[in-house]
Amino acid sequence: MPMLVLSGLAIGFGLERASELEDERLRGDLELIGRAIRLPVADALMQGDIQAVRSNLDSVFRIGRVYGASVYDTQGTLVAAAGIVERDLSESILAEQVVRTGEQQDSYREVAGRDVFSQFLPINDRGGRIIGLLQITRRAQDFEQSFAQLSRIAWGSWLIVAVATVAILIFGHYGAVGRHIETLVTSMRRVAQGDRKHRAAVQGPGELREVAEGLNRMLDSIEAAEQEIEARREHEQQLNYQLRESEKMAAIGQVASGVAHELGAPLTVIDGRARRLQQEHQDVESQRQLTAIRGQVQRLTKMVRQLLAFSRTPVTAWQPLSVQELVRQAQLSTSYEFEPDGPAITVDMPTATITISGDPQRLELALVNLLRNALQAARQQVVIEVREQVRDQKQHVVILISDDGAGIPADADQDELIKPFKTTKAQGEGTGLGLAIVAHIIADHCGEFALQPGPDGGCQAVVSLPRPTQAEETSI
């Protein structure tokens, strides 16, 4: 619109200037005509040859662009005329000024009811004295028509250009920019209404493509930030849960330690008295009853030992250990508890010594508990495998203990199985502390413990322990 307004102002100024130039040209034409006949008319007037004056005026009138030509004396009385002229100029101020000043004058006048442009030129004799006036008139509409035609052409051209410009701007802008802006605004509205998954289409001119890409990057950043916040929130919830579990385990450990200490001495006394009574009473019924008492006492004693193991403080004395030796000691410890014709134990581990660091007694206790559970659950065979593994650019030792028993119940939760006093065994066959002790010991050694289905059925216990670096081995 500013361009159209400026172009319109330029056309208006140009037309005004063109009107002035055209008016000057037409006036110049009349002046040339007047100067061309002024000298012959002056000679004819001085000779009194009115016929010659009329002849000169007729010659001017025949040009076709002159509306009328006439000669007056200095008093304004008509001497000769051709065409439509004024009969009397005695009252004309303009004629009086020409006679007085000797300079030509012109103006728009009304002659015979028509608007004309009149130019008055003085007629001088050879001595320069004014002897009359020469009036040449031309229709005023000749001036107006010339300018009107030029105005029509100019404003018509401007209108065509304006319409074409507006059409190009409207349709061209919509095709090149407008529709892409509309699409971008629609995308922004969808995002503002909560559709965070929506992404703007990257299309259109380069600047709009950059805006769309910037909007998409902003939305991606917001989504990533929200995901990070959600992940942190979940992590904090998990940490809070673990903290509560740790506090609960610590409380259970303190209670277990106190109970174990309080029960240890009475159970020893009961077992000793029952053994003495067995020696004094040899009858079958007494032996049966006392054997049952001692069996229950031994079961309670075993639970007390497990409670003490569960309540031990974290590992503080680290030392180098051979994994192969730990496995052999665990086998030896469980060999006294099971009959020789029980499930067979198969061991598959490297011949080269694999060294880790930790508390040998506690790690042996963990392996003993796992091996004992496997032997109790197995039908025919228990397999112990030792493997080396690299995880997170660090060496680990993985100990796998598998049995061919019934396996983990389908509805069992591993996290629940390793909690204290949780067991899948029949009433009276388990305390629910074995796996909890294992998980506790492995966690104290910065390792990982998990239960999973065995490769050939049954259950497989997985213990992963980190191997110390060379610098750590040197410091131990």
Protein backbone atom coordinates (compact mmCIF):
# COMPACT_ATOMS: atom_id res chain seq x y z
CA MET A 1 0.00 0.00 0.00
CA PRO A 2 2.75 2.58 0.71
CA MET A 3 4.25 1.81 -2.70
CA LEU A 4 0.90 2.33 -4.40
CA VAL A 5 0.31 5.59 -2.52
CA LEU A 6 3.78 6.87 -3.45
CA SER A 7 3.29 5.89 -7.08
CA GLY A 8 -0.11 7.66 -7.10
CA LEU A 9 1.47 10.81 -5.67
CA ALA A 10 4.20 10.60 -8.28
CA ILE A 11 1.63 10.27 -11.08
CA GLY A 12 -0.37 13.21 -9.69
CA PHE A 13 2.74 15.37 -9.52
CA GLY A 14 3.74 14.25 -13.01
CA LEU A 15 0.31 15.03 -14.44
CA GLU A 16 0.36 18.46 -12.85
CA ARG A 17 3.76 19.13 -14.36
CA ALA A 18 2.60 17.72 -17.71
CA SER A 19 -0.45 20.01 -17.59
CA GLU A 20 1.79 22.99 -17.05
CA LEU A 21 4.04 21.96 -19.93
CA GLU A 22 1.08 21.33 -22.25
CA ASP A 23 -0.43 24.69 -21.31
CA GLU A 24 2.89 26.37 -22.04
CA ARG A 25 3.12 24.56 -25.36
CA LEU A 26 -0.36 25.66 -26.42
CA ARG A 27 0.34 29.22 -25.35
CA GLY A 28 3.60 29.12 -27.24
CA ASP A 29 1.75 27.98 -30.36
CA LEU A 30 -0.61 30.96 -30.12
CA GLU A 31 2.33 33.30 -29.52
CA LEU A 32 4.13 32.00 -32.59
CA ILE A 33 1.02 32.43 -34.69
CA GLY A 34 0.50 35.94 -33.36
CA ARG A 35 4.11 36.98 -33.99
CA ALA A 36 3.93 35.52 -37.51
CA ILE A 37 0.99 37.75 -38.61
CA ARG A 38 1.62 40.75 -36.37
CA LEU A 39 4.03 42.50 -38.80
CA PRO A 40 1.84 42.07 -41.97
CA VAL A 41 -1.20 43.20 -39.96
CA ALA A 42 0.72 46.24 -38.72
CA ASP A 43 1.73 47.21 -42.29
CA ALA A 44 -1.88 46.76 -43.49
CA LEU A 45 -3.20 48.93 -40.63
CA MET A 46 -0.69 51.72 -41.34
CA GLN A 47 -1.75 51.65 -45.00
CA GLY A 48 -5.43 51.49 -44.04
CA ASP A 49 -5.84 48.28 -46.03
CA ILE A 50 -8.54 46.55 -44.00
CA GLN A 51 -8.95 43.89 -46.64
CA ALA A 52 -5.33 42.88 -46.22
CA VAL A 53 -5.86 42.71 -42.44
CA ARG A 54 -8.83 40.37 -42.95
CA SER A 55 -6.82 38.23 -45.34
CA ASN A 56 -4.07 37.76 -42.75
CA LEU A 57 -6.62 36.95 -40.06
CA ASP A 58 -8.34 34.42 -42.36
CA SER A 59 -5.01 32.72 -42.99
CA VAL A 60 -4.56 32.27 -39.23
CA PHE A 61 -8.10 31.06 -38.74
CA ARG A 62 -7.64 28.36 -41.41
CA ILE A 63 -4.87 26.68 -39.38
CA GLY A 64 -7.61 24.87 -37.52
CA ARG A 65 -6.27 25.22 -34.02
CA VAL A 66 -7.42 28.85 -33.73
CA TYR A 67 -10.99 29.60 -32.69
CA GLY A 68 -10.94 33.23 -33.68
CA ALA A 69 -8.62 36.10 -34.64
CA SER A 70 -9.38 39.85 -34.50
CA VAL A 71 -7.69 43.26 -34.68
CA TYR A 72 -8.68 46.28 -32.53
CA ASP A 73 -7.55 49.82 -32.40
CA THR A 74 -6.05 51.28 -29.27
CA GLN A 75 -9.50 52.25 -28.04
CA GLY A 76 -10.74 48.66 -28.18
CA THR A 77 -12.88 49.07 -31.27
CA LEU A 78 -12.99 46.08 -33.62
CA VAL A 79 -11.22 46.70 -36.92
CA ALA A 80 -11.27 43.24 -38.57
CA ALA A 81 -12.13 39.71 -37.40
CA ALA A 82 -12.16 36.05 -38.44
CA GLY A 83 -14.14 33.47 -36.55
CA ILE A 84 -15.89 34.12 -33.23
CA VAL A 85 -14.54 37.24 -31.61
CA GLU A 86 -15.42 39.95 -29.14
CA ARG A 87 -16.95 43.02 -30.73
CA ASP A 88 -15.83 45.58 -28.22
CA LEU A 89 -12.82 45.72 -25.87
CA SER A 90 -13.29 49.29 -24.71
CA GLU A 91 -14.16 48.02 -21.22
CA SER A 92 -11.50 45.29 -21.14
CA ILE A 93 -8.91 45.85 -18.44
CA LEU A 94 -6.65 43.25 -20.10
CA ALA A 95 -6.66 45.19 -23.40
CA GLU A 96 -5.94 48.39 -21.50
CA GLN A 97 -2.90 46.76 -19.84
CA VAL A 98 -1.53 45.67 -23.23
CA VAL A 99 -1.84 49.20 -24.64
CA ARG A 100 -0.34 50.73 -21.54
CA THR A 101 2.56 48.30 -21.01
CA GLY A 102 3.18 47.13 -24.58
CA GLU A 103 3.46 43.53 -23.34
CA GLN A 104 1.34 40.58 -24.41
CA GLN A 105 -1.36 39.32 -22.05
CA ASP A 106 -3.53 36.19 -22.00
CA SER A 107 -6.41 34.80 -20.01
CA TYR A 108 -9.39 32.47 -20.12
CA ARG A 109 -12.48 34.35 -21.20
CA GLU A 110 -16.04 33.75 -22.29
CA VAL A 111 -16.79 34.73 -25.89
CA ALA A 112 -20.20 34.18 -27.44
CA GLY A 113 -21.13 31.95 -24.55
CA ARG A 114 -18.06 29.71 -24.95
CA ASP A 115 -14.97 29.39 -22.80
CA VAL A 116 -11.88 30.39 -24.77
CA PHE A 117 -8.23 31.15 -24.15
CA SER A 118 -7.39 34.63 -25.45
CA GLN A 119 -3.95 36.03 -26.11
CA PHE A 120 -3.50 39.78 -26.72
CA LEU A 121 -0.43 41.04 -28.57
CA PRO A 122 0.34 44.77 -29.25
CA ILE A 123 0.59 45.88 -32.89
CA ASN A 124 3.43 48.37 -33.34
CA ASP A 125 4.36 50.57 -36.26
CA ARG A 126 7.87 50.88 -37.59
CA GLY A 127 8.68 53.34 -34.85
CA GLY A 128 7.47 51.04 -32.08
CA ARG A 129 4.32 52.98 -31.35
CA ILE A 130 1.26 50.86 -30.47
CA ILE A 131 -1.36 51.30 -33.15
CA GLY A 132 -3.68 48.41 -32.25
CA LEU A 133 -4.28 45.02 -30.58
CA LEU A 134 -4.19 41.54 -32.03
CA GLN A 135 -6.39 38.96 -30.22
CA ILE A 136 -6.09 35.27 -31.02
CA THR A 137 -8.40 32.87 -29.22
CA ARG A 138 -8.47 29.11 -28.87
CA ARG A 139 -11.10 26.96 -27.24
CA ALA A 140 -10.35 26.25 -23.59
CA GLN A 141 -11.41 22.66 -24.02
CA ASP A 142 -8.43 22.11 -26.33
CA PHE A 143 -6.24 22.55 -23.26
CA GLU A 144 -8.53 20.44 -21.09
CA GLN A 145 -8.92 17.64 -23.62
CA SER A 146 -5.20 17.25 -24.07
CA PHE A 147 -4.64 17.04 -20.35
CA ALA A 148 -7.71 14.86 -19.76
CA GLN A 149 -6.49 12.28 -22.26
CA LEU A 150 -3.06 12.21 -20.66
CA SER A 151 -4.69 11.90 -17.20
CA ARG A 152 -6.86 9.01 -18.33
CA ILE A 153 -3.88 7.16 -19.71
CA ALA A 154 -1.78 7.79 -16.58
CA TRP A 155 -4.44 6.92 -14.02
CA GLY A 156 -5.63 3.94 -16.05
CA SER A 157 -2.09 2.60 -16.13
CA TRP A 158 -1.72 3.21 -12.39
CA LEU A 159 -5.00 1.38 -11.69
CA ILE A 160 -3.90 -1.62 -13.76
CA VAL A 161 -0.55 -1.71 -11.99
CA ALA A 162 -2.26 -1.33 -8.59
CA VAL A 163 -4.70 -4.18 -9.25
CA ALA A 164 -1.91 -6.39 -10.57
CA THR A 165 0.30 -5.54 -7.59
CA VAL A 166 -2.44 -6.26 -5.05
CA ALA A 167 -3.29 -9.54 -6.80
CA ILE A 168 0.36 -10.59 -6.88
CA LEU A 169 0.84 -9.65 -3.24
CA ILE A 170 -2.30 -11.45 -2.08
CA PHE A 171 -2.01 -14.65 -4.09
CA GLY A 172 1.77 -14.66 -4.30
CA HIS A 173 2.17 -13.99 -0.58
CA TYR A 174 -0.28 -16.73 0.33
CA GLY A 175 1.34 -19.23 -2.01
CA ALA A 176 4.91 -18.44 -1.03
CA VAL A 177 4.59 -17.40 2.62
CA GLY A 178 1.02 -17.12 3.90
CA ARG A 179 0.05 -20.79 3.79
CA HIS A 180 3.29 -21.80 5.49
CA ILE A 181 2.73 -19.21 8.21
CA GLU A 182 -0.82 -20.49 8.65
CA THR A 183 0.49 -24.06 9.02
CA LEU A 184 3.09 -22.89 11.54
CA VAL A 185 0.49 -20.96 13.56
CA THR A 186 -1.76 -24.04 13.57
CA SER A 187 1.13 -26.11 14.94
CA MET A 188 1.77 -23.54 17.66
CA ARG A 189 -1.90 -23.60 18.66
CA ARG A 190 -1.85 -27.41 18.92
CA VAL A 191 1.22 -27.21 21.14
CA ALA A 192 -0.40 -24.48 23.25
CA GLN A 193 -3.46 -26.73 23.71
CA GLY A 194 -1.24 -29.45 25.20
CA ASP A 195 -0.23 -31.63 22.23
CA ARG A 196 3.45 -31.87 23.16
CA LYS A 197 4.06 -34.74 20.72
CA HIS A 198 3.16 -32.59 17.69
CA ARG A 199 5.97 -31.23 15.55
CA ALA A 200 5.75 -28.42 13.01
CA ALA A 201 6.25 -29.22 9.31
CA VAL A 202 9.59 -27.86 8.10
CA GLN A 203 8.59 -26.19 4.81
CA GLY A 204 8.39 -22.86 3.04
CA PRO A 205 11.03 -20.11 2.75
CA GLY A 206 14.32 -20.40 4.59
CA GLU A 207 13.33 -18.08 7.44
CA LEU A 208 10.10 -19.99 8.12
CA ARG A 209 11.99 -23.30 7.94
CA GLU A 210 14.38 -22.00 10.58
CA VAL A 211 11.43 -20.94 12.77
CA ALA A 212 9.82 -24.39 12.40
CA GLU A 213 13.10 -26.15 13.16
CA GLY A 214 13.64 -23.89 16.18
CA LEU A 215 10.12 -24.68 17.43
CA ASN A 216 10.73 -28.42 17.01
CA ARG A 217 14.09 -28.19 18.79
CA MET A 218 12.44 -26.29 21.63
CA LEU A 219 9.70 -28.94 21.91
CA ASP A 220 12.32 -31.71 21.82
CA SER A 221 14.27 -29.96 24.57
CA ILE A 222 11.11 -29.54 26.66
CA GLU A 223 10.20 -33.20 26.16
CA ALA A 224 13.75 -34.30 27.05
CA ALA A 225 13.70 -32.08 30.14
CA GLU A 226 10.33 -33.48 31.21
CA GLN A 227 11.58 -37.04 30.69
CA GLU A 228 14.70 -36.24 32.69
CA ILE A 229 12.60 -34.74 35.48
CA GLU A 230 10.33 -37.80 35.44
CA ALA A 231 13.36 -40.12 35.49
CA ARG A 232 14.83 -38.18 38.41
CA ARG A 233 11.53 -38.31 40.23
CA GLU A 234 11.32 -42.08 39.74
CA HIS A 235 14.96 -42.41 40.79
CA GLU A 236 14.29 -40.38 43.93
CA GLN A 237 11.29 -42.57 44.68
CA GLN A 238 13.45 -45.65 44.21
CA LEU A 239 16.14 -44.19 46.44
CA ASN A 240 13.55 -43.37 49.09
CA TYR A 241 12.22 -46.91 48.84
CA GLN A 242 15.72 -48.34 49.12
CA LEU A 243 16.43 -46.06 52.07
CA ARG A 244 13.29 -47.24 53.84
CA GLU A 245 14.22 -50.84 53.05
CA SER A 246 17.75 -50.25 54.36
CA GLU A 247 16.40 -48.71 57.53
CA LYS A 248 13.99 -51.60 57.92
CA MET A 249 16.76 -54.12 57.31
CA ALA A 250 18.97 -52.33 59.81
CA ALA A 251 16.19 -52.48 62.38
CA ILE A 252 15.59 -56.16 61.60
CA GLY A 253 19.33 -56.80 61.92
CA GLN A 254 19.46 -55.15 65.34
CA VAL A 255 16.45 -57.13 66.53
CA ALA A 256 17.86 -60.33 65.04
CA SER A 257 21.22 -59.78 66.69
CA GLY A 258 19.60 -59.21 70.08
CA VAL A 259 17.30 -62.22 69.74
CA ALA A 260 20.16 -64.43 68.59
CA HIS A 261 22.34 -63.47 71.53
CA GLU A 262 19.50 -64.00 73.97
CA LEU A 263 18.58 -67.43 72.53
CA GLY A 264 22.10 -68.75 72.06
CA ALA A 265 22.89 -69.59 75.67
CA PRO A 266 19.50 -71.14 76.59
CA LEU A 267 19.55 -73.34 73.49
CA THR A 268 23.04 -74.59 74.37
CA VAL A 269 21.86 -75.45 77.89
CA ILE A 270 18.73 -77.24 76.58
CA ASP A 271 20.79 -79.27 74.11
CA GLY A 272 23.30 -80.21 76.82
CA ARG A 273 20.59 -81.31 79.29
CA ALA A 274 18.81 -83.31 76.56
CA ARG A 275 22.07 -85.08 75.66
CA ARG A 276 22.69 -85.96 79.33
CA LEU A 277 19.16 -87.29 79.69
CA GLN A 278 19.71 -89.42 76.58
CA GLN A 279 22.70 -90.98 78.28
CA GLU A 280 20.73 -91.69 81.47
CA HIS A 281 17.51 -92.98 79.90
CA GLN A 282 18.07 -95.71 77.37
CA ASP A 283 14.49 -96.82 76.83
CA VAL A 284 13.04 -96.39 73.36
CA GLU A 285 10.34 -93.86 74.22
CA SER A 286 12.73 -91.60 76.14
CA GLN A 287 15.28 -91.78 73.36
CA ARG A 288 12.60 -90.88 70.80
CA GLN A 289 11.34 -87.90 72.77
CA LEU A 290 14.82 -86.60 73.61
CA THR A 291 15.95 -86.99 69.98
CA ALA A 292 12.99 -84.91 68.85
CA ILE A 293 13.83 -82.26 71.44
CA ARG A 294 17.45 -82.13 70.32
CA GLY A 295 16.36 -81.91 66.65
CA GLN A 296 14.21 -78.87 67.38
CA VAL A 297 17.01 -77.33 69.43
CA GLN A 298 19.43 -77.84 66.53
CA ARG A 299 16.93 -76.22 64.18
CA LEU A 300 16.65 -73.22 66.48
CA THR A 301 20.42 -73.07 66.83
CA LYS A 302 20.76 -73.01 63.04
CA MET A 303 18.30 -70.12 62.87
CA VAL A 304 20.23 -68.26 65.55
CA ARG A 305 23.42 -68.65 63.53
CA GLN A 306 21.67 -67.36 60.44
CA LEU A 307 20.34 -64.38 62.38
CA LEU A 308 23.85 -63.60 63.58
CA ALA A 309 25.18 -63.88 60.05
CA PHE A 310 22.41 -61.61 58.77
CA SER A 311 23.08 -58.97 61.42
CA ARG A 312 26.81 -58.73 60.86
CA THR A 313 28.28 -55.33 60.05
CA PRO A 314 29.47 -54.54 56.49
CA VAL A 315 32.79 -55.85 55.25
CA THR A 316 35.75 -53.90 56.59
CA ALA A 317 38.64 -56.39 56.27
CA TRP A 318 39.26 -56.99 52.57
CA GLN A 319 41.79 -59.56 51.42
CA PRO A 320 42.65 -61.41 48.18
CA LEU A 321 40.62 -64.60 47.68
CA SER A 322 40.68 -67.44 45.20
CA VAL A 323 37.26 -68.09 43.69
CA GLN A 324 38.16 -71.73 43.08
CA GLU A 325 39.06 -72.16 46.77
CA LEU A 326 35.80 -70.53 47.89
CA VAL A 327 33.80 -72.96 45.74
CA ARG A 328 35.73 -75.97 47.10
CA GLN A 329 35.20 -74.84 50.71
CA ALA A 330 31.46 -74.38 50.07
CA GLN A 331 31.32 -77.94 48.63
CA LEU A 332 33.16 -79.29 51.64
CA SER A 333 30.88 -77.50 54.10
CA THR A 334 27.70 -78.88 52.51
CA SER A 335 29.08 -82.39 52.05
CA TYR A 336 28.48 -83.12 55.75
CA GLU A 337 24.79 -82.20 55.52
CA PHE A 338 23.70 -84.45 52.64
CA GLU A 339 23.87 -88.15 51.96
CA PRO A 340 26.49 -89.41 49.45
CA ASP A 341 23.76 -90.80 47.20
CA GLY A 342 22.09 -87.37 46.89
CA PRO A 343 22.20 -85.07 43.85
CA ALA A 344 25.57 -85.00 42.07
CA ILE A 345 27.58 -81.77 42.01
CA THR A 346 29.29 -80.84 38.72
CA VAL A 347 31.89 -78.04 38.80
CA ASP A 348 32.97 -76.15 35.68
CA MET A 349 35.55 -73.43 36.31
CA PRO A 350 38.85 -72.24 34.81
CA THR A 351 42.05 -73.94 35.94
CA ALA A 352 43.85 -70.60 36.24
CA THR A 353 43.31 -68.99 39.60
CA ILE A 354 40.73 -66.20 39.60
CA THR A 355 41.31 -63.68 42.37
CA ILE A 356 38.78 -61.37 43.99
CA SER A 357 38.86 -59.38 47.22
CA GLY A 358 36.52 -59.60 50.18
CA ASP A 359 35.67 -61.39 53.44
CA PRO A 360 36.31 -65.14 52.91
CA GLN A 361 34.02 -66.31 55.74
CA ARG A 362 31.06 -64.25 54.61
CA LEU A 363 31.48 -65.10 50.92
CA GLU A 364 31.78 -68.78 51.83
CA LEU A 365 28.59 -68.48 53.89
CA ALA A 366 26.80 -66.99 50.85
CA LEU A 367 27.96 -69.82 48.56
CA VAL A 368 27.08 -72.43 51.20
CA ASN A 369 23.53 -71.08 51.46
CA LEU A 370 23.10 -71.11 47.67
CA LEU A 371 24.58 -74.59 47.31
CA ARG A 372 22.44 -75.89 50.19
CA ASN A 373 19.26 -74.52 48.56
CA ALA A 374 20.26 -76.05 45.22
CA LEU A 375 20.93 -79.46 46.75
CA GLN A 376 17.61 -79.36 48.61
CA ALA A 377 15.69 -78.46 45.42
CA ALA A 378 17.60 -80.65 42.90
CA ARG A 379 16.36 -84.02 41.69
CA GLN A 380 19.62 -85.43 40.32
CA GLN A 381 22.22 -82.78 39.64
CA VAL A 382 23.63 -79.40 40.71
CA VAL A 383 25.99 -77.52 38.37
CA ILE A 384 28.47 -74.88 39.55
CA GLU A 385 29.99 -72.68 36.84
CA VAL A 386 32.57 -69.93 37.18
CA ARG A 387 33.00 -67.42 34.33
CA GLU A 388 34.88 -64.19 33.74
CA GLN A 389 32.94 -61.34 32.18
CA VAL A 390 33.57 -57.72 31.16
CA ARG A 391 30.78 -55.28 31.99
CA ASP A 392 31.00 -51.51 31.96
CA GLN A 393 34.68 -51.80 31.01
CA LYS A 394 35.42 -53.68 34.24
CA GLN A 395 36.24 -57.33 34.93
CA HIS A 396 33.66 -59.37 36.84
CA VAL A 397 33.53 -62.95 38.11
CA VAL A 398 30.18 -64.67 37.59
CA ILE A 399 29.30 -67.75 39.67
CA LEU A 400 26.29 -69.75 38.44
CA ILE A 401 24.67 -72.42 40.65
CA SER A 402 21.95 -74.36 38.81
CA ASP A 403 19.69 -77.22 39.88
CA ASP A 404 17.25 -79.44 38.01
CA GLY A 405 14.44 -79.07 40.52
CA ALA A 406 10.98 -77.62 40.23
CA GLY A 407 12.30 -74.09 39.67
CA ILE A 408 10.93 -70.77 40.83
CA PRO A 409 7.12 -70.64 41.16
CA ALA A 410 5.51 -68.72 38.32
CA ASP A 411 3.80 -66.28 40.68
CA ALA A 412 6.94 -65.67 42.78
CA ASP A 413 8.61 -62.24 42.83
CA GLN A 414 12.41 -62.31 43.01
CA ASP A 415 12.51 -59.15 45.12
CA GLU A 416 10.17 -60.82 47.59
CA LEU A 417 12.19 -64.07 47.67
CA ILE A 418 15.34 -62.34 48.93
CA LYS A 419 13.55 -60.50 51.72
CA PRO A 420 14.04 -61.81 55.27
CA PHE A 421 11.68 -64.58 56.42
CA LYS A 422 10.29 -65.11 52.89
CA THR A 423 10.43 -68.73 51.69
CA THR A 424 8.79 -71.07 49.17
CA LYS A 425 9.57 -74.17 51.16
CA ALA A 426 7.04 -76.12 53.18
CA GLN A 427 6.28 -75.17 56.76
CA GLY A 428 9.18 -76.09 59.03
CA GLU A 429 11.67 -76.68 56.20
CA GLY A 430 13.05 -73.14 55.79
CA THR A 431 13.60 -69.98 57.79
CA GLY A 432 13.48 -67.52 54.88
CA LEU A 433 16.87 -66.09 55.83
CA GLY A 434 19.19 -67.94 53.43
CA LEU A 435 18.65 -65.82 50.30
CA ALA A 436 18.40 -62.64 52.35
CA ILE A 437 21.82 -63.39 53.85
CA VAL A 438 23.23 -64.09 50.38
CA ALA A 439 21.88 -60.82 48.95
CA HIS A 440 23.16 -58.93 51.98
CA ILE A 441 26.68 -60.37 51.69
CA ILE A 442 26.95 -59.91 47.91
CA ALA A 443 25.73 -56.29 48.18
CA ASP A 444 28.38 -55.63 50.86
CA HIS A 445 30.98 -56.84 48.34
CA CYS A 446 29.67 -54.42 45.64
CA GLY A 447 28.32 -57.34 43.64
CA GLU A 448 24.97 -58.39 42.21
CA PHE A 449 22.74 -61.35 43.01
CA ALA A 450 19.78 -62.65 41.01
CA LEU A 451 17.58 -65.71 40.57
CA GLN A 452 16.48 -66.90 37.14
CA PRO A 453 15.15 -70.02 35.43
CA GLY A 454 17.87 -72.56 34.72
CA PRO A 455 18.92 -73.42 31.14
CA ASP A 456 17.57 -77.00 31.56
CA GLY A 457 14.75 -76.19 33.95
CA GLY A 458 15.00 -75.68 37.66
CA CYS A 459 16.49 -72.56 39.18
CA GLN A 460 19.78 -70.78 38.59
CA ALA A 461 21.41 -68.45 41.13
CA VAL A 462 23.67 -65.81 39.58
CA VAL A 463 26.37 -64.12 41.67
CA SER A 464 28.45 -61.38 40.00
CA LEU A 465 31.45 -59.97 41.88
CA PRO A 466 33.81 -57.26 40.60
CA ARG A 467 37.49 -58.16 40.22
CA PRO A 468 39.90 -55.65 41.77
CA THR A 469 42.16 -53.60 39.52
CA GLN A 470 45.91 -53.92 39.79
CA ALA A 471 46.13 -50.81 41.92
CA GLU A 472 43.40 -52.11 44.24
CA GLU A 473 45.13 -55.49 44.57
CA THR A 474 48.35 -53.72 45.54
CA SER A 475 46.60 -51.65 48.23
CA ILE A 476 44.84 -54.67 49.79
